[in-house]
Amino acid sequence: MRVPVRSAFRIFPIAGAAVTPQRAVVTPEKCQSCHRSDGTGVAPQLVLHGNNRTEETQVCVMCHNPNNTDIVYRLPTDPKVRLGRYSFPEQSLDFKSLVHGIHASTTGFRTRPLVAIGFNHSIFDAGTLEEYPGKLRNCVTCHVDNGRRGSFELPLKAGVLGTTFDTRSISPTGTVAIDMDPTNDRKVSPTAAVCSSCHDEGEEIDHMVREGGASFDTTQLALDQGLVVERCVRCHGPGRDKSVRKVHEIR
C-alpha cells in the first residue's frame, strides 16, 4: 500500500559551521491552492514518484537541480528539445525551468509542449495534462511575494546556476555514454532558462540573446567568470517600464 506522507528535509553544512537555508522561491502551501492534499483540488495531490515525494518543494529541488537532465532514460533517436532556433539532445529537469514548462504546456502557451523521458523510457508529455486552471502570467499563484519584492522578480539571486540541456553524453555517432562531469555541460544562462521555459518562440529567444545578453550555449565556468552576463534586469527589473510585475500584470 502506498501512503503519501509529506516529505521531510533538513538543511545541514557539508563543511564549516555556517548553515545557509535554501532560498524560498515557492512554498508547498502555494502549490496546494490547486494540488490539495484531500484530492479535492483542480489538480491532483502534489505527490510523485510512487508516493515517495509528497508536498515538499525543498525535497524536489535536491534531484531537480540545474545539472540534472533526462539523459539516463533518453535514446539518441528521441526527438531533440527545441527552444527557438536552438536544439538540444536532452530535456532539463531543473525545477525552475521544468515547472514553468509544464504549466505553460498545458495551456498551449508554449510553441512546443515540454516532453521529458522517464523511467523505462516512459514519455512524459506535459501537453496532454489537464489545463492549468489559473492565469499563467500570475506569478504569485506559486511564487513567494511580500508585496514589495517577489521571488519571481529580477535579478535572480547571485549564484543561481545555469540550466543544463546537454551533458555531452550523446556522441556524434549516436552512442550514449553518461558523462558525469558537470564542467563541460552545455547550459542556458539562468534567467533565460526560466523565461524560455514559457516563452519558447523563436523571436522571444532571439530577444533574450540580443537584448538580454543571455546564452543558450555556454558553460558554468563562463557564467562564473563573467564571460556571459545577462542584462535582462535593465528593462525587466523592479520599477522598470517593462518589469516582470508590470508585463505580467501582477497587482
Protein backbone atom coordinates (compact mmCIF):
# COMPACT_ATOMS: atom_id res chain seq x y z
CA MET A 1 0.00 0.00 0.00
CA ARG A 2 1.34 3.39 -0.98
CA VAL A 3 0.59 6.05 1.62
CA PRO A 4 1.63 9.62 0.70
CA VAL A 5 3.25 11.20 3.76
CA ARG A 6 4.68 14.71 3.46
CA SER A 7 8.42 14.54 2.84
CA ALA A 8 10.80 15.93 5.43
CA PHE A 9 14.11 17.74 4.93
CA ARG A 10 16.85 19.34 6.95
CA ILE A 11 19.50 21.87 5.94
CA PHE A 12 22.98 20.96 7.17
CA PRO A 13 26.52 22.15 6.42
CA ILE A 14 28.87 20.00 4.36
CA ALA A 15 31.90 21.96 5.52
CA GLY A 16 32.25 24.59 8.22
CA ALA A 17 29.74 25.67 10.83
CA ALA A 18 27.57 28.05 8.80
CA VAL A 19 24.21 26.80 7.55
CA THR A 20 22.66 28.56 4.56
CA PRO A 21 18.95 27.82 4.14
CA GLN A 22 17.64 27.18 0.65
CA ARG A 23 16.04 30.36 -0.71
CA ALA A 24 12.24 30.36 -0.61
CA VAL A 25 11.00 30.69 -4.19
CA VAL A 26 7.72 28.81 -3.89
CA THR A 27 6.03 27.09 -0.96
CA PRO A 28 4.09 23.81 -0.70
CA GLU A 29 1.17 25.80 0.66
CA LYS A 30 1.06 27.84 -2.55
CA CYS A 31 1.08 24.62 -4.60
CA GLN A 32 -1.80 23.27 -2.53
CA SER A 33 -4.11 26.00 -3.74
CA CYS A 34 -4.51 23.67 -6.74
CA HIS A 35 -2.89 20.42 -5.56
CA ARG A 36 -4.95 19.90 -2.40
CA SER A 37 -4.00 17.12 0.00
CA ASP A 38 -7.53 15.75 0.19
CA GLY A 39 -7.77 15.37 -3.57
CA THR A 40 -10.50 17.99 -4.00
CA GLY A 41 -8.31 20.49 -5.84
CA VAL A 42 -8.42 21.28 -9.54
CA ALA A 43 -5.15 19.33 -9.87
CA PRO A 44 -4.10 16.02 -8.28
CA GLN A 45 -2.36 15.96 -4.91
CA LEU A 46 1.28 17.01 -5.16
CA VAL A 47 2.70 13.51 -4.81
CA LEU A 48 5.04 11.86 -7.31
CA HIS A 49 7.50 9.01 -7.84
CA GLY A 50 5.35 6.27 -6.36
CA ASN A 51 4.12 8.42 -3.46
CA ASN A 52 7.72 8.78 -2.29
CA ARG A 53 7.86 12.54 -2.85
CA THR A 54 4.97 14.41 -1.30
CA GLU A 55 4.14 18.10 -0.80
CA GLU A 56 7.63 19.45 -0.11
CA THR A 57 9.31 21.52 -2.81
CA GLN A 58 12.55 21.74 -0.81
CA VAL A 59 12.89 17.99 -1.37
CA CYS A 60 12.04 18.26 -5.08
CA VAL A 61 14.98 20.56 -5.80
CA MET A 62 17.54 18.07 -4.50
CA CYS A 63 17.13 15.99 -7.65
CA HIS A 64 15.53 18.59 -9.89
CA ASN A 65 18.67 20.71 -9.82
CA PRO A 66 20.32 22.72 -12.63
CA ASN A 67 22.70 19.88 -13.60
CA ASN A 68 20.04 17.18 -13.99
CA THR A 69 18.54 16.06 -17.32
CA ASP A 70 16.62 13.06 -18.61
CA ILE A 71 19.72 11.60 -20.31
CA VAL A 72 19.74 8.35 -18.30
CA TYR A 73 16.44 7.37 -19.94
CA ARG A 74 16.81 9.10 -23.29
CA LEU A 75 17.73 7.38 -26.56
CA PRO A 76 19.68 9.06 -29.38
CA THR A 77 16.63 8.52 -31.61
CA ASP A 78 14.33 10.53 -29.32
CA PRO A 79 13.22 13.92 -30.67
CA LYS A 80 15.51 16.76 -29.70
CA VAL A 81 14.46 19.60 -27.42
CA ARG A 82 14.00 22.91 -29.22
CA LEU A 83 13.93 26.43 -27.86
CA GLY A 84 13.62 28.83 -30.74
CA ARG A 85 16.48 28.12 -33.12
CA TYR A 86 18.43 26.16 -30.52
CA SER A 87 18.37 22.37 -30.47
CA PHE A 88 19.37 20.20 -27.51
CA PRO A 89 19.74 16.41 -27.14
CA GLU A 90 18.24 16.32 -23.63
CA GLN A 91 15.45 17.82 -21.57
CA SER A 92 16.47 19.71 -18.45
CA LEU A 93 14.87 18.54 -15.19
CA ASP A 94 15.87 21.72 -13.37
CA PHE A 95 12.95 22.73 -11.14
CA LYS A 96 12.92 26.37 -12.22
CA SER A 97 12.51 25.53 -15.89
CA LEU A 98 10.63 22.23 -15.56
CA VAL A 99 7.65 23.51 -13.54
CA HIS A 100 7.21 26.64 -15.66
CA GLY A 101 7.43 24.49 -18.79
CA ILE A 102 4.83 22.01 -17.55
CA HIS A 103 2.28 24.67 -16.64
CA ALA A 104 2.84 26.62 -19.87
CA SER A 105 2.48 23.45 -21.95
CA THR A 106 -0.96 22.62 -20.55
CA THR A 107 -2.36 25.96 -21.72
CA GLY A 108 -0.86 25.77 -25.20
CA PHE A 109 1.24 28.86 -24.49
CA ARG A 110 4.47 27.15 -25.48
CA THR A 111 5.24 26.61 -29.16
CA ARG A 112 6.27 23.05 -28.31
CA PRO A 113 4.99 21.25 -25.20
CA LEU A 114 7.63 20.13 -22.72
CA VAL A 115 8.42 16.44 -23.21
CA ALA A 116 10.75 14.51 -20.90
CA ILE A 117 11.78 10.86 -20.94
CA GLY A 118 11.27 8.97 -17.69
CA PHE A 119 11.84 5.57 -16.10
CA ASN A 120 11.73 2.63 -18.55
CA HIS A 121 11.59 5.18 -21.38
CA SER A 122 8.12 6.37 -20.39
CA ILE A 123 7.27 9.57 -22.23
CA PHE A 124 6.02 12.49 -20.16
CA ASP A 125 4.22 14.95 -22.45
CA ALA A 126 3.07 17.98 -20.47
CA GLY A 127 0.82 19.00 -23.34
CA THR A 128 -1.51 16.09 -22.52
CA LEU A 129 -2.12 17.18 -18.92
CA GLU A 130 -5.23 18.96 -17.64
CA GLU A 131 -5.12 22.67 -18.40
CA TYR A 132 -3.60 24.95 -15.80
CA PRO A 133 -6.66 26.47 -14.11
CA GLY A 134 -5.37 29.94 -13.25
CA LYS A 135 -3.84 32.84 -15.13
CA LEU A 136 -0.47 31.65 -16.35
CA ARG A 137 1.03 35.13 -16.11
CA ASN A 138 0.14 35.49 -12.42
CA CYS A 139 3.47 34.53 -10.83
CA VAL A 140 2.22 34.97 -7.26
CA THR A 141 -0.04 31.95 -7.59
CA CYS A 142 3.09 29.90 -6.93
CA HIS A 143 5.85 32.39 -6.06
CA VAL A 144 6.59 33.95 -2.70
CA ASP A 145 5.80 37.67 -2.68
CA ASN A 146 5.78 40.16 0.18
CA GLY A 147 4.16 42.90 -1.89
CA ARG A 148 7.42 44.75 -2.43
CA ARG A 149 9.74 42.07 -3.72
CA GLY A 150 8.68 38.76 -5.21
CA SER A 151 10.85 35.70 -5.81
CA PHE A 152 9.85 35.99 -9.48
CA GLU A 153 11.49 39.39 -9.91
CA LEU A 154 14.87 40.19 -11.41
CA PRO A 155 17.70 39.94 -10.88
CA LEU A 156 17.95 36.34 -9.77
CA LYS A 157 19.89 35.77 -6.60
CA ALA A 158 23.67 35.65 -7.12
CA GLY A 159 24.99 32.15 -7.59
CA VAL A 160 21.97 30.67 -9.35
CA LEU A 161 23.39 28.09 -11.75
CA GLY A 162 22.80 27.84 -15.47
CA THR A 163 20.48 25.07 -16.63
CA THR A 164 21.92 22.03 -18.40
CA PHE A 165 20.36 20.82 -21.67
CA ASP A 166 23.35 18.80 -22.88
CA THR A 167 25.63 16.70 -20.65
CA ARG A 168 27.76 15.71 -23.67
CA SER A 169 26.61 12.12 -23.19
CA ILE A 170 25.49 11.51 -26.79
CA SER A 171 28.36 11.21 -29.26
CA PRO A 172 28.21 12.43 -32.89
CA THR A 173 27.87 8.78 -33.94
CA GLY A 174 24.77 8.35 -31.78
CA THR A 175 26.12 6.25 -28.93
CA VAL A 176 25.28 7.09 -25.32
CA ALA A 177 27.89 7.14 -22.55
CA ILE A 178 26.73 9.05 -19.48
CA ASP A 179 29.10 11.96 -18.84
CA MET A 180 29.14 12.71 -15.11
CA ASP A 181 31.38 15.78 -15.39
CA PRO A 182 29.26 18.96 -14.99
CA THR A 183 32.07 21.29 -16.07
CA ASN A 184 31.54 20.55 -19.78
CA ASP A 185 27.74 20.70 -19.68
CA ARG A 186 26.11 22.85 -22.33
CA LYS A 187 23.95 25.27 -20.39
CA VAL A 188 21.39 28.02 -20.81
CA SER A 189 22.10 31.08 -18.66
CA PRO A 190 19.82 31.13 -15.59
CA THR A 191 17.39 33.98 -16.34
CA ALA A 192 16.91 32.82 -19.92
CA ALA A 193 16.38 29.25 -18.70
CA VAL A 194 13.39 30.42 -16.68
CA CYS A 195 11.91 32.79 -19.26
CA SER A 196 12.35 30.40 -22.20
CA SER A 197 10.55 27.63 -20.33
CA CYS A 198 7.35 29.57 -21.10
CA HIS A 199 8.48 31.91 -23.90
CA ASP A 200 9.98 29.31 -26.26
CA GLU A 201 9.12 31.03 -29.54
CA GLY A 202 12.00 31.96 -31.83
CA GLU A 203 11.69 35.76 -31.77
CA GLU A 204 11.47 35.79 -27.97
CA ILE A 205 14.53 33.57 -27.64
CA ASP A 206 16.50 35.80 -30.01
CA HIS A 207 15.43 38.84 -27.94
CA MET A 208 16.87 37.22 -24.79
CA VAL A 209 20.20 36.77 -26.55
CA ARG A 210 20.32 40.04 -28.48
CA GLU A 211 18.96 42.43 -25.85
CA GLY A 212 19.39 40.45 -22.64
CA GLY A 213 22.90 39.09 -23.09
CA ALA A 214 21.63 35.55 -22.49
CA SER A 215 23.31 32.45 -23.84
CA PHE A 216 21.81 29.14 -24.94
CA ASP A 217 25.20 27.55 -25.42
CA THR A 218 27.52 28.23 -22.50
CA THR A 219 29.24 26.56 -19.56
CA GLN A 220 29.06 27.20 -15.84
CA LEU A 221 32.69 28.35 -15.91
CA ALA A 222 31.85 31.05 -18.46
CA LEU A 223 28.98 32.19 -16.24
CA ASP A 224 31.15 32.17 -13.11
CA GLN A 225 33.93 34.12 -14.83
CA GLY A 226 31.53 36.77 -16.13
CA LEU A 227 32.08 35.87 -19.78
CA VAL A 228 28.29 35.64 -20.09
CA VAL A 229 26.41 38.41 -18.27
CA GLU A 230 22.64 38.62 -18.53
CA ARG A 231 21.34 42.19 -18.53
CA CYS A 232 17.58 41.48 -18.56
CA VAL A 233 17.22 43.45 -15.32
CA ARG A 234 17.87 46.72 -17.17
CA CYS A 235 14.40 46.58 -18.74
CA HIS A 236 12.61 43.90 -16.74
CA GLY A 237 13.84 44.69 -13.22
CA PRO A 238 11.68 46.15 -10.40
CA GLY A 239 10.46 49.67 -11.15
CA ARG A 240 11.37 49.47 -14.82
CA ASP A 241 8.85 50.18 -17.56
CA LYS A 242 8.79 46.50 -18.56
CA SER A 243 9.32 44.92 -15.15
CA VAL A 244 8.15 41.35 -14.66
CA ARG A 245 5.49 42.62 -12.27
CA LYS A 246 4.16 45.06 -14.88
CA VAL A 247 4.24 42.91 -18.00
CA HIS A 248 2.68 40.00 -16.10
CA GLU A 249 0.05 42.41 -14.74
CA ILE A 250 0.63 41.37 -11.12
CA ARG A 251 -1.32 43.62 -8.78
